[in-house]
Protein backbone atom coordinates (compact mmCIF):
# COMPACT_ATOMS: atom_id res chain seq x y z
CA MET A 1 1.74 20.51 15.37
CA ASN A 2 -0.19 18.42 17.92
CA PHE A 3 -2.63 15.72 16.92
CA PHE A 4 -5.77 17.83 17.28
CA GLU A 5 -4.30 20.63 15.16
CA PHE A 6 -3.42 18.01 12.56
CA LEU A 7 -7.00 16.74 12.52
CA LYS A 8 -8.31 20.30 12.21
CA GLN A 9 -6.14 20.97 9.17
CA ASN A 10 -6.59 17.60 7.49
CA TRP A 11 -10.16 16.57 8.35
CA ALA A 12 -11.32 16.79 4.72
CA GLU A 13 -8.60 14.41 3.49
CA LEU A 14 -9.19 12.07 6.44
CA LEU A 15 -12.90 11.89 5.59
CA ALA A 16 -12.07 11.23 1.94
CA LEU A 17 -9.76 8.36 2.93
CA THR A 18 -12.45 7.01 5.27
CA ARG A 19 -14.94 7.09 2.41
CA GLU A 20 -12.48 5.17 0.20
CA HIS A 21 -11.96 2.66 3.01
CA LEU A 22 -15.70 2.17 3.49
CA LEU A 23 -16.23 1.68 -0.23
CA LEU A 24 -13.57 -1.03 -0.37
CA VAL A 25 -15.12 -2.80 2.63
CA PHE A 26 -18.76 -2.52 1.51
CA VAL A 27 -18.24 -3.49 -2.12
CA SER A 28 -16.01 -6.47 -1.28
CA THR A 29 -18.38 -7.66 1.47
CA PHE A 30 -21.34 -7.33 -0.92
CA PHE A 31 -19.68 -9.61 -3.47
CA ALA A 32 -18.53 -12.01 -0.74
CA VAL A 33 -22.11 -12.31 0.53
CA LEU A 34 -23.48 -12.58 -3.01
CA ILE A 35 -21.20 -15.55 -3.71
CA GLY A 36 -20.56 -16.95 -0.23
CA VAL A 37 -24.13 -17.39 1.07
CA PRO A 38 -25.42 -19.33 -1.99
CA LEU A 39 -22.22 -21.38 -1.94
CA GLY A 40 -22.75 -22.16 1.74
CA ILE A 41 -26.34 -23.20 1.02
CA LEU A 42 -25.10 -25.49 -1.77
CA LEU A 43 -22.63 -27.11 0.65
CA THR A 44 -25.46 -28.05 2.99
CA ARG A 45 -27.08 -29.91 0.07
CA ARG A 46 -23.84 -31.37 -1.33
CA LYS A 47 -21.92 -32.28 1.81
CA LEU A 48 -19.11 -33.98 -0.09
CA LEU A 49 -18.05 -30.52 -1.32
CA GLN A 50 -17.72 -29.05 2.18
CA THR A 51 -14.18 -30.21 2.89
CA PRO A 52 -12.55 -29.08 -0.40
CA VAL A 53 -14.44 -25.74 -0.61
CA LEU A 54 -13.84 -24.77 3.02
CA GLY A 55 -10.23 -25.94 2.62
CA ILE A 56 -9.71 -23.57 -0.31
CA ALA A 57 -11.34 -20.73 1.66
CA ASN A 58 -8.98 -21.48 4.57
CA ILE A 59 -5.95 -21.37 2.25
CA LEU A 60 -7.05 -18.05 0.75
CA GLN A 61 -7.23 -16.50 4.20
CA THR A 62 -3.71 -17.65 5.12
CA VAL A 63 -2.08 -15.99 2.09
CA PRO A 64 -0.41 -12.72 3.22
CA SER A 65 -2.46 -9.79 1.97
CA LEU A 66 0.34 -7.90 0.21
CA ALA A 67 1.43 -11.12 -1.52
CA LEU A 68 -2.13 -11.69 -2.75
CA PHE A 69 -2.31 -8.12 -4.09
CA GLY A 70 1.00 -8.66 -5.89
CA LEU A 71 -0.18 -11.94 -7.41
CA LEU A 72 -3.39 -10.37 -8.72
CA ILE A 73 -1.83 -7.32 -10.40
CA PRO A 74 -0.47 -9.01 -13.57
CA ILE A 75 -3.69 -11.00 -14.23
CA ALA A 76 -5.56 -9.58 -17.22
CA TYR A 77 -9.10 -8.25 -16.60
CA ILE A 78 -8.85 -9.10 -12.90
CA GLY A 79 -5.73 -7.44 -11.59
CA GLY A 80 -4.07 -4.10 -12.05
CA ILE A 81 -3.51 -1.37 -9.52
CA GLY A 82 -6.21 0.53 -7.69
CA ALA A 83 -9.54 -0.38 -6.11
CA LYS A 84 -10.39 -3.31 -8.42
CA THR A 85 -7.51 -5.47 -7.23
CA ALA A 86 -8.17 -4.53 -3.60
CA ILE A 87 -11.87 -5.43 -3.86
CA ILE A 88 -11.10 -8.83 -5.39
CA ALA A 89 -8.52 -9.58 -2.70
CA LEU A 90 -10.82 -8.45 0.12
CA THR A 91 -13.67 -10.53 -1.33
CA LEU A 92 -11.45 -13.62 -1.28
CA TYR A 93 -10.47 -12.91 2.33
CA SER A 94 -14.15 -12.55 3.32
CA PHE A 95 -15.29 -15.92 1.95
CA LEU A 96 -14.26 -18.14 4.87
CA PRO A 97 -16.41 -16.68 7.71
CA ILE A 98 -19.41 -16.18 5.42
CA ILE A 99 -19.37 -19.66 3.86
CA ARG A 100 -18.53 -21.41 7.13
CA ASN A 101 -21.23 -19.61 9.14
CA THR A 102 -23.83 -20.22 6.44
CA VAL A 103 -23.09 -23.95 6.57
CA THR A 104 -23.02 -23.94 10.38
CA GLY A 105 -26.24 -21.94 10.69
CA ILE A 106 -28.32 -24.03 8.30
CA SER A 107 -26.87 -27.32 9.54
CA GLY A 108 -27.73 -26.28 13.09
CA VAL A 109 -31.46 -26.01 12.45
CA ASP A 110 -33.24 -28.66 14.53
CA VAL A 111 -33.98 -31.73 12.40
CA ARG A 112 -37.44 -31.95 14.00
CA THR A 113 -38.24 -28.49 12.67
CA ARG A 114 -37.35 -29.63 9.16
CA GLU A 115 -39.44 -32.78 9.59
CA ALA A 116 -42.41 -30.71 10.73
CA ALA A 117 -42.06 -28.44 7.71
CA THR A 118 -41.89 -31.46 5.40
CA ALA A 119 -44.98 -32.94 7.06
CA MET A 120 -46.84 -29.69 6.33
CA GLY A 121 -46.13 -30.23 2.62
CA MET A 122 -43.38 -27.63 2.17
CA THR A 123 -40.99 -28.02 -0.74
CA ASP A 124 -37.23 -27.93 -0.22
CA ARG A 125 -37.17 -24.35 -1.52
CA GLN A 126 -39.92 -23.31 0.89
CA ILE A 127 -38.14 -24.97 3.80
CA LEU A 128 -34.97 -23.08 2.91
CA LEU A 129 -36.62 -19.68 2.54
CA MET A 130 -39.23 -19.91 5.30
CA VAL A 131 -37.54 -22.08 7.91
CA GLU A 132 -33.81 -22.59 7.57
CA LEU A 133 -32.69 -19.10 6.52
CA PRO A 134 -34.81 -17.22 9.12
CA LEU A 135 -33.60 -19.52 11.92
CA SER A 136 -29.96 -19.42 10.81
CA ALA A 137 -29.92 -15.66 10.06
CA PRO A 138 -28.17 -14.67 13.34
CA VAL A 139 -25.35 -17.16 12.69
CA ILE A 140 -24.99 -16.07 9.03
CA LEU A 141 -24.96 -12.40 10.07
CA THR A 142 -22.23 -13.19 12.60
CA GLY A 143 -20.12 -14.49 9.71
CA ILE A 144 -20.79 -11.33 7.71
CA ARG A 145 -19.91 -9.24 10.76
CA VAL A 146 -16.57 -11.06 11.14
CA ALA A 147 -15.90 -10.64 7.41
CA VAL A 148 -16.50 -6.89 7.62
CA VAL A 149 -14.09 -6.48 10.55
CA ILE A 150 -11.44 -8.54 8.72
CA ALA A 151 -11.96 -6.42 5.59
CA VAL A 152 -11.49 -3.17 7.54
CA GLY A 153 -8.11 -4.39 8.78
CA VAL A 154 -6.86 -5.87 5.51
CA ALA A 155 -8.05 -2.83 3.53
CA THR A 156 -5.31 -0.75 5.17
CA VAL A 157 -2.77 -2.79 3.15
CA ALA A 158 -4.65 -1.91 -0.04
CA ALA A 159 -2.96 1.51 -0.01
CA ALA A 160 0.20 -0.27 -1.19
CA VAL A 161 -1.50 -1.02 -4.54
CA GLY A 162 -2.92 2.48 -5.02
CA ALA A 163 -6.42 1.66 -3.74
CA GLY A 164 -6.47 4.50 -1.20
CA GLY A 165 -8.16 4.18 2.18
CA LEU A 166 -6.85 4.83 5.68
CA GLY A 167 -3.75 2.73 5.02
CA THR A 168 -2.49 5.71 2.98
CA TYR A 169 -1.98 7.67 6.21
CA ILE A 170 -0.37 4.68 7.95
CA PHE A 171 2.18 4.03 5.19
CA ARG A 172 2.82 7.76 4.80
CA GLY A 173 3.34 8.15 8.55
CA LEU A 174 5.88 5.32 8.62
CA ARG A 175 7.70 6.79 5.64
CA GLN A 176 7.78 10.36 6.98
CA ASN A 177 8.32 9.43 10.65
CA ASP A 178 5.12 11.35 11.43
CA ASN A 179 3.15 10.13 14.44
CA ASN A 180 0.18 12.34 13.58
CA LEU A 181 -0.32 10.50 10.29
CA LEU A 182 0.14 7.12 11.98
CA LEU A 183 -2.36 7.94 14.72
CA ALA A 184 -4.91 9.38 12.31
CA GLY A 185 -4.81 6.30 10.10
CA ALA A 186 -4.60 3.69 12.87
CA ILE A 187 -7.19 5.23 15.21
CA SER A 188 -9.66 5.90 12.38
CA SER A 189 -9.29 2.32 11.13
CA ALA A 190 -9.77 0.89 14.62
CA LEU A 191 -12.80 3.10 15.33
CA LEU A 192 -14.30 2.17 11.98
CA ALA A 193 -13.92 -1.54 12.76
CA LEU A 194 -15.46 -1.12 16.23
CA PHE A 195 -18.31 1.01 14.89
CA LEU A 196 -19.21 -1.41 12.09
CA ASP A 197 -18.90 -4.39 14.43
CA PHE A 198 -21.26 -2.74 16.93
CA ALA A 199 -23.77 -1.63 14.29
CA LEU A 200 -23.88 -5.06 12.63
CA GLY A 201 -24.10 -6.67 16.06
CA GLN A 202 -27.25 -4.69 16.79
CA PHE A 203 -28.65 -5.60 13.38
CA GLU A 204 -27.81 -9.25 13.95
CA LYS A 205 -29.58 -9.35 17.30
CA SER A 206 -32.73 -7.88 15.78
CA PHE A 207 -33.12 -11.21 13.93
CA ASP A 208 -32.91 -13.21 17.15
CA TYR A 209 -36.47 -14.19 18.08
CA ARG A 210 -35.44 -14.35 21.75
CA LYS A 211 -34.63 -10.61 21.74
CA ARG A 212 -37.49 -9.26 19.66
CA ALA A 213 -38.54 -6.92 22.51
CA GLU A 214 -35.43 -4.87 21.89
CA SER A 215 -35.77 -4.88 18.11
CA THR A 216 -37.05 -1.30 17.87
CA ARG A 217 -34.05 0.09 19.71
CA ARG A 218 -31.68 -2.02 17.66
CA LYS A 219 -33.28 -0.93 14.40
CA PHE A 220 -32.95 2.70 15.55
CA ILE A 221 -29.24 2.13 16.17
CA ALA A 222 -28.86 0.50 12.75
CA VAL A 223 -30.62 3.44 11.05
CA GLY A 224 -28.42 5.88 12.98
CA ALA A 225 -25.27 4.00 11.90
CA THR A 226 -26.42 4.09 8.28
CA ALA A 227 -27.07 7.84 8.53
CA LEU A 228 -23.60 8.42 10.00
CA ILE A 229 -21.95 6.47 7.18
CA LEU A 230 -23.93 8.44 4.59
CA ALA A 231 -22.83 11.66 6.33
CA ILE A 232 -19.19 10.59 6.04
CA PHE A 233 -19.70 9.99 2.34
CA GLY A 234 -21.36 13.38 1.93
CA PHE A 235 -18.88 15.45 3.93
CA SER A 236 -15.91 13.71 2.28
CA PHE A 237 -16.78 15.44 -0.98
CA ILE A 238 -16.67 18.89 0.62
CA GLN A 239 -13.60 20.91 -0.38
CA LYS A 240 -12.75 18.36 -3.06
CA PRO A 241 -10.53 20.26 -5.48
CA LYS A 242 -12.02 20.99 -8.86
CA THR A 243 -9.79 20.49 -11.84
CA LYS A 244 -9.94 23.02 -14.62
CA ASP A 245 -11.29 21.59 -17.86
CA GLN A 246 -8.54 21.92 -20.41
CA ASN A 247 -10.18 19.63 -22.96
CA PRO A 248 -7.33 17.10 -22.71
CA THR A 249 -6.86 14.84 -25.67
CA GLU A 250 -4.65 12.36 -23.80
CA THR A 251 -4.52 10.84 -20.32
CA ILE A 252 -1.23 9.73 -18.77
CA ARG A 253 -1.25 7.40 -15.78
CA VAL A 254 1.64 8.46 -13.55
CA GLY A 255 2.75 6.12 -10.78
CA SER A 256 5.26 6.20 -7.96
CA LYS A 257 6.81 3.87 -5.43
CA ASP A 258 5.96 4.08 -1.75
CA PHE A 259 8.63 6.51 -0.56
CA THR A 260 8.81 10.29 -0.44
CA GLU A 261 11.28 10.94 -3.24
CA SER A 262 9.43 8.78 -5.74
CA ILE A 263 6.16 10.57 -4.95
CA ILE A 264 7.76 14.02 -5.35
CA LEU A 265 9.31 13.09 -8.71
CA ALA A 266 6.01 11.65 -9.92
CA GLU A 267 4.20 14.80 -8.78
CA ILE A 268 6.70 17.01 -10.62
CA LEU A 269 6.09 15.06 -13.82
CA ALA A 270 2.32 15.08 -13.30
CA GLN A 271 2.17 18.86 -12.78
CA LEU A 272 4.33 19.54 -15.84
CA LEU A 273 2.04 17.36 -17.94
CA GLU A 274 -1.03 19.17 -16.62
CA LYS A 275 0.53 22.50 -17.56
CA ARG A 276 0.66 21.13 -21.12
CA GLY A 277 -3.06 20.36 -20.98
CA ILE A 278 -2.56 16.61 -20.61
CA ALA A 279 -4.90 14.87 -18.17
CA VAL A 280 -3.10 12.92 -15.44
CA GLU A 281 -4.28 9.95 -13.43
CA ARG A 282 -2.17 9.57 -10.29
CA GLN A 283 -1.40 6.10 -8.92
CA PHE A 284 1.09 6.87 -6.16
CA GLU A 285 2.64 4.97 -3.23
CA LEU A 286 2.86 1.52 -4.82
CA GLY A 287 4.84 -0.95 -2.72
CA GLY A 288 7.80 -3.10 -3.83
CA ASN A 289 8.02 -3.70 -7.58
CA LEU A 290 4.29 -3.09 -8.11
CA ALA A 291 4.98 0.01 -10.21
CA HIS A 292 7.12 -2.02 -12.62
CA ASP A 293 4.54 -4.81 -12.74
CA ALA A 294 1.76 -2.27 -13.36
CA LEU A 295 3.73 -0.71 -16.20
CA ARG A 296 4.20 -4.08 -17.89
CA SER A 297 0.52 -5.01 -17.47
CA ASN A 298 -0.63 -1.68 -18.97
CA ASN A 299 -2.01 -0.33 -15.70
CA LEU A 300 0.53 2.53 -15.63
CA ASP A 301 2.22 4.65 -18.28
CA VAL A 302 5.23 6.09 -16.45
CA TYR A 303 6.94 6.11 -13.04
CA PRO A 304 10.31 7.22 -11.57
CA GLU A 305 13.03 4.60 -11.16
CA TYR A 306 16.78 4.33 -10.57
CA THR A 307 19.23 2.78 -13.02
CA GLY A 308 21.03 0.73 -10.37
CA THR A 309 17.74 -0.69 -9.10
CA ALA A 310 16.55 -1.51 -12.61
CA TYR A 311 19.92 -3.08 -13.49
CA THR A 312 20.25 -5.31 -10.42
CA ALA A 313 16.75 -5.85 -8.97
CA ILE A 314 14.75 -6.06 -12.22
CA LEU A 315 17.30 -7.24 -14.80
CA LYS A 316 19.17 -9.38 -12.23
CA GLN A 317 22.61 -8.23 -13.37
CA LYS A 318 25.67 -8.21 -11.13
CA PRO A 319 26.45 -4.73 -9.74
CA ILE A 320 28.98 -2.60 -11.64
CA THR A 321 30.14 0.95 -10.93
CA ASP A 322 30.32 2.40 -14.47
CA THR A 323 27.51 5.00 -14.56
CA ASN A 324 27.21 5.25 -18.34
CA ARG A 325 27.39 1.51 -18.86
CA VAL A 326 24.63 0.87 -16.30
CA TYR A 327 22.37 3.44 -17.99
CA ASP A 328 23.06 2.23 -21.54
CA GLU A 329 22.66 -1.48 -20.77
CA THR A 330 19.51 -0.85 -18.74
CA LYS A 331 17.99 1.24 -21.53
CA GLN A 332 18.77 -1.39 -24.14
CA SER A 333 17.55 -4.33 -22.04
CA TYR A 334 14.32 -2.59 -21.05
CA ALA A 335 13.55 -1.90 -24.71
CA GLU A 336 14.28 -5.49 -25.76
CA LYS A 337 12.76 -7.40 -22.85
CA PHE A 338 9.87 -5.20 -21.70
CA ASP A 339 9.17 -2.79 -24.58
CA LEU A 340 9.79 0.10 -22.16
CA SER A 341 11.79 3.32 -22.55
CA LEU A 342 14.09 5.21 -20.18
CA SER A 343 14.10 8.99 -19.99
CA PRO A 344 17.39 10.89 -19.89
CA PRO A 345 18.85 11.15 -16.34
CA LEU A 346 17.19 13.75 -14.09
CA GLY A 347 20.53 14.98 -12.74
CA PHE A 348 21.06 13.23 -9.41
CA SER A 349 21.73 9.78 -8.02
CA ASN A 350 20.00 8.29 -4.99
CA ASP A 351 22.63 5.82 -3.86
CA PHE A 352 22.38 3.41 -0.95
CA ALA A 353 23.49 5.27 2.19
CA ILE A 354 25.02 3.27 5.03
CA LEU A 355 23.93 5.25 8.08
CA VAL A 356 24.86 5.46 11.75
CA ARG A 357 23.73 7.87 14.46
CA GLY A 358 25.43 11.24 14.35
CA ASP A 359 26.60 11.02 17.97
CA ALA A 360 28.19 7.60 17.31
CA ALA A 361 30.00 8.94 14.23
CA ARG A 362 31.35 11.93 16.15
CA LYS A 363 32.35 9.88 19.20
CA ASN A 364 34.25 7.25 17.17
CA ASN A 365 35.44 9.59 14.41
CA LEU A 366 33.71 7.52 11.74
CA LYS A 367 34.01 8.69 8.14
CA THR A 368 33.87 5.62 5.88
CA ILE A 369 32.20 2.21 5.93
CA SER A 370 35.62 0.61 6.48
CA ASP A 371 35.99 2.65 9.70
CA VAL A 372 32.98 0.85 11.16
CA VAL A 373 34.04 -2.74 10.45
CA PRO A 374 36.50 -3.15 13.41
CA ILE A 375 34.00 -1.88 16.01
CA SER A 376 30.75 -3.29 14.64
CA LYS A 377 30.97 -6.96 15.63
CA ASN A 378 28.40 -6.61 18.42
CA TRP A 379 26.30 -4.00 16.67
CA GLN A 380 22.68 -4.63 15.76
CA ALA A 381 22.23 -4.02 12.04
CA GLY A 382 18.85 -3.55 10.42
CA PHE A 383 18.00 -3.42 6.72
CA GLY A 384 14.93 -3.14 4.52
CA GLN A 385 13.59 -6.22 2.74
CA ASP A 386 14.76 -4.79 -0.58
CA PHE A 387 18.37 -4.41 0.56
CA MET A 388 18.42 -7.91 2.07
CA SER A 389 17.19 -9.62 -1.11
CA ARG A 390 18.75 -7.86 -4.10
CA ALA A 391 22.01 -8.61 -5.89
CA ASP A 392 23.61 -5.32 -4.85
CA GLY A 393 22.36 -5.69 -1.27
CA TYR A 394 23.44 -7.19 2.03
CA GLN A 395 25.22 -10.40 1.02
CA GLY A 396 27.62 -8.75 -1.41
CA PHE A 397 27.99 -5.67 0.78
CA ALA A 398 28.95 -7.67 3.90
CA LYS A 399 31.41 -9.76 1.89
CA ALA A 400 33.02 -6.75 0.19
CA TYR A 401 33.68 -4.95 3.47
CA GLY A 402 34.25 -7.98 5.70
CA PHE A 403 31.37 -7.40 8.11
CA ASN A 404 30.83 -10.22 10.62
CA PHE A 405 27.90 -9.25 12.83
CA THR A 406 27.42 -11.47 15.90
CA LYS A 407 23.69 -10.66 15.89
CA GLN A 408 21.59 -11.56 12.89
CA PRO A 409 20.65 -8.34 11.02
CA ARG A 410 16.99 -7.49 11.44
CA GLU A 411 14.99 -7.44 8.22
CA MET A 412 12.23 -4.85 8.46
CA ASP A 413 10.34 -2.10 6.68
CA LEU A 414 12.81 0.51 5.39
CA SER A 415 10.92 3.48 6.86
CA LEU A 416 11.03 1.87 10.32
CA THR A 417 14.81 1.39 10.22
CA TYR A 418 15.34 5.16 10.45
CA LYS A 419 13.27 5.39 13.61
CA ALA A 420 14.90 2.29 15.10
CA LEU A 421 18.38 3.72 14.42
CA GLN A 422 17.50 7.06 16.01
CA SER A 423 16.08 5.37 19.12
CA GLY A 424 19.12 3.11 19.57
CA GLU A 425 17.37 -0.15 18.68
CA LEU A 426 19.68 -0.43 15.65
CA ASP A 427 23.29 0.69 15.20
CA ILE A 428 23.66 0.68 11.41
CA ILE A 429 21.17 0.70 8.52
CA ALA A 430 21.06 1.11 4.74
CA GLY A 431 18.99 4.12 3.72
CA ASN A 432 18.89 6.42 0.71
CA SER A 433 21.47 9.15 0.19
CA THR A 434 18.94 11.87 -0.71
CA ASP A 435 16.58 11.10 2.17
CA GLY A 436 15.48 14.14 4.15
CA LEU A 437 15.32 12.08 7.35
CA ILE A 438 19.13 11.84 7.43
CA SER A 439 19.47 15.45 8.56
CA ALA A 440 16.11 15.53 10.35
CA LEU A 441 17.13 12.67 12.68
CA ASP A 442 20.85 13.62 12.98
CA LEU A 443 22.12 10.55 11.14
CA PHE A 444 25.50 10.28 9.44
CA GLN A 445 26.21 8.76 6.01
CA LEU A 446 29.41 6.72 5.80
CA ALA A 447 31.41 7.02 2.58
CA ASP A 448 31.42 3.97 0.29
CA ASP A 449 35.23 3.91 0.18
CA LYS A 450 35.40 0.58 -1.67
CA LYS A 451 32.94 1.77 -4.33
CA TYR A 452 30.74 -1.29 -3.86
CA PHE A 453 27.36 0.15 -4.80
CA PRO A 454 26.41 0.74 -8.46
CA PRO A 455 25.17 4.18 -9.58
CA TYR A 456 21.48 4.90 -9.03
CA GLN A 457 20.70 7.67 -11.50
CA ALA A 458 17.12 8.87 -11.28
CA VAL A 459 15.13 8.41 -14.50
CA PHE A 460 11.54 7.91 -15.62
CA ILE A 461 10.49 4.63 -17.20
CA THR A 462 7.58 4.71 -19.63
CA ARG A 463 5.70 2.49 -22.00
CA ASN A 464 6.90 2.90 -25.58
CA ASP A 465 3.46 3.90 -26.81
CA LYS A 466 3.59 6.94 -24.49
CA ALA A 467 7.24 7.86 -25.05
CA GLU A 468 6.56 10.41 -27.79
CA ILE A 469 3.96 12.27 -25.74
CA LEU A 470 6.33 12.42 -22.76
CA ARG A 471 9.46 13.30 -24.75
CA GLU A 472 9.05 17.10 -24.44
CA THR A 473 8.59 16.89 -20.65
CA PHE A 474 11.49 14.47 -20.26
CA GLU A 475 13.78 16.84 -22.16
CA LYS A 476 12.76 19.69 -19.89
CA LEU A 477 13.62 17.64 -16.79
CA THR A 478 16.94 16.31 -18.11
CA ASN A 479 19.71 17.10 -15.57
CA SER A 480 17.39 19.62 -13.90
CA ILE A 481 17.49 18.28 -10.31
CA SER A 482 20.73 18.31 -8.33
CA THR A 483 21.42 16.02 -5.38
CA ASP A 484 21.19 18.97 -2.94
CA GLU A 485 17.87 20.06 -4.47
CA MET A 486 16.45 16.56 -4.14
CA ARG A 487 17.59 16.30 -0.55
CA ARG A 488 15.93 19.66 0.22
CA LEU A 489 12.72 18.51 -1.45
CA ASN A 490 12.72 15.32 0.62
CA PHE A 491 13.37 17.28 3.80
CA ALA A 492 10.56 19.70 2.96
CA VAL A 493 8.16 16.73 3.02
CA ASP A 494 9.71 14.48 5.69
CA GLY A 495 11.12 17.17 7.97
CA GLU A 496 8.86 20.18 7.44
CA LYS A 497 5.71 18.12 6.72
CA LEU A 498 4.95 19.86 3.42
CA ALA A 499 2.61 17.99 1.08
CA PRO A 500 4.51 16.43 -1.88
CA LYS A 501 2.33 18.30 -4.39
CA VAL A 502 3.18 21.61 -2.68
CA ALA A 503 6.90 20.81 -2.57
CA ALA A 504 6.81 19.85 -6.24
CA SER A 505 4.90 23.00 -7.18
CA ASP A 506 7.34 25.22 -5.26
CA TRP A 507 10.31 23.61 -7.03
CA LEU A 508 8.69 24.01 -10.45
CA ASN A 509 8.02 27.70 -9.78
CA ALA A 510 11.57 28.25 -8.50
CA LYS A 511 13.00 26.66 -11.66
CA GLY A 512 10.81 28.79 -13.91
CA PHE A 513 8.74 25.83 -15.14
């Protein structure tokens, strides 16, 4: 499918994501202006506060966006997953240009103008409202304009915490190696930033007394921009699926991590619950350990996980290869430490897969990881951040097999390592054994002949207060998904570009569920 065919088929979803993106930007900017402008005015009256307040605003803007989202999630009443956390983070990022430009604009008013106003008998409040703010309005609006453009860019990262927006397409495109999704998300985000920058620029200039002659045209442009935004909001609700009212007595918040398999498993669970008449709130595509954090902070009820990941990355235990022991110890520790429950295994394991290009494997007759060690000294390795940092990851792996790469392994987003390996930028990566991209990109999985990696049985993790409600569905899914079935499901989404909800529905129908 070319890009224009993709847009034709997915325009409704793209508009819905644009609407979500606009909402995040507008609401966060509104709060930033509501707090930032009065604070900036206060700083012009209390100049001793300027350095510490602007210093804090500077620090807030230097914190990486995803890190800020992660820090906010566990905070009661403030954090959590979804739009609330994103709006708070975007508001914090918007403070600096708004506060700084408010201070600069008011401080830049000619002192003789203030003296004249005072001589006319104006109070400080009247001087502020009738002299300083009107004269400094273009500078203040420039700060708001900069804040809006910053918010449009940072809001793409908000998709990692389940807040939606155009970042959903960008992350999904990286994960599925789909340029159409990447282009749709990136181009729409860029056009949105340019459009809002232009529209606010026209609005800003209408306040400039030196350009009043053009104010009518600028106001017309501003009205047209507002009408276009309202049209996006209106059209985005067209073709919105209507859910059948089943009078649900319970709502389950189902989450997933930000990769294809996790989304499919979460969708399978969600659809089974809906067939039982249970309302489901989906919070998919959460980055890193956000799903676990959301579960502990009561922002999620259940999400798919892997025993090896829980055992090593969450519980910080040393990797072991005994499948039953990993499951039993993880189940017991989760109940004692986190008050969380594990479902029975789903039937397959998604182990770490050490991958090379298929042509390289065939040329060098590579079968196992040990086969690669003698010829890999000058290879460029690349691994996801998760693999590089966890106990069962790179350090132990390299030591167990005796790897000694001359070049420092590149640490990068996991979804990008597949593409980099296919294009020849990397020579060896660590992927996932059930990933559909392995066959789609002609990659080869090397056998773990030294049995280094622990077992990664797929399970669901749930809050104990929801365990009884989910028990029936968990029992139905116990040992119901084979490794081959999971690989086919992943390929259906990553290779054949099927929507996860469709792939999940097809599997449920095929299994008689």
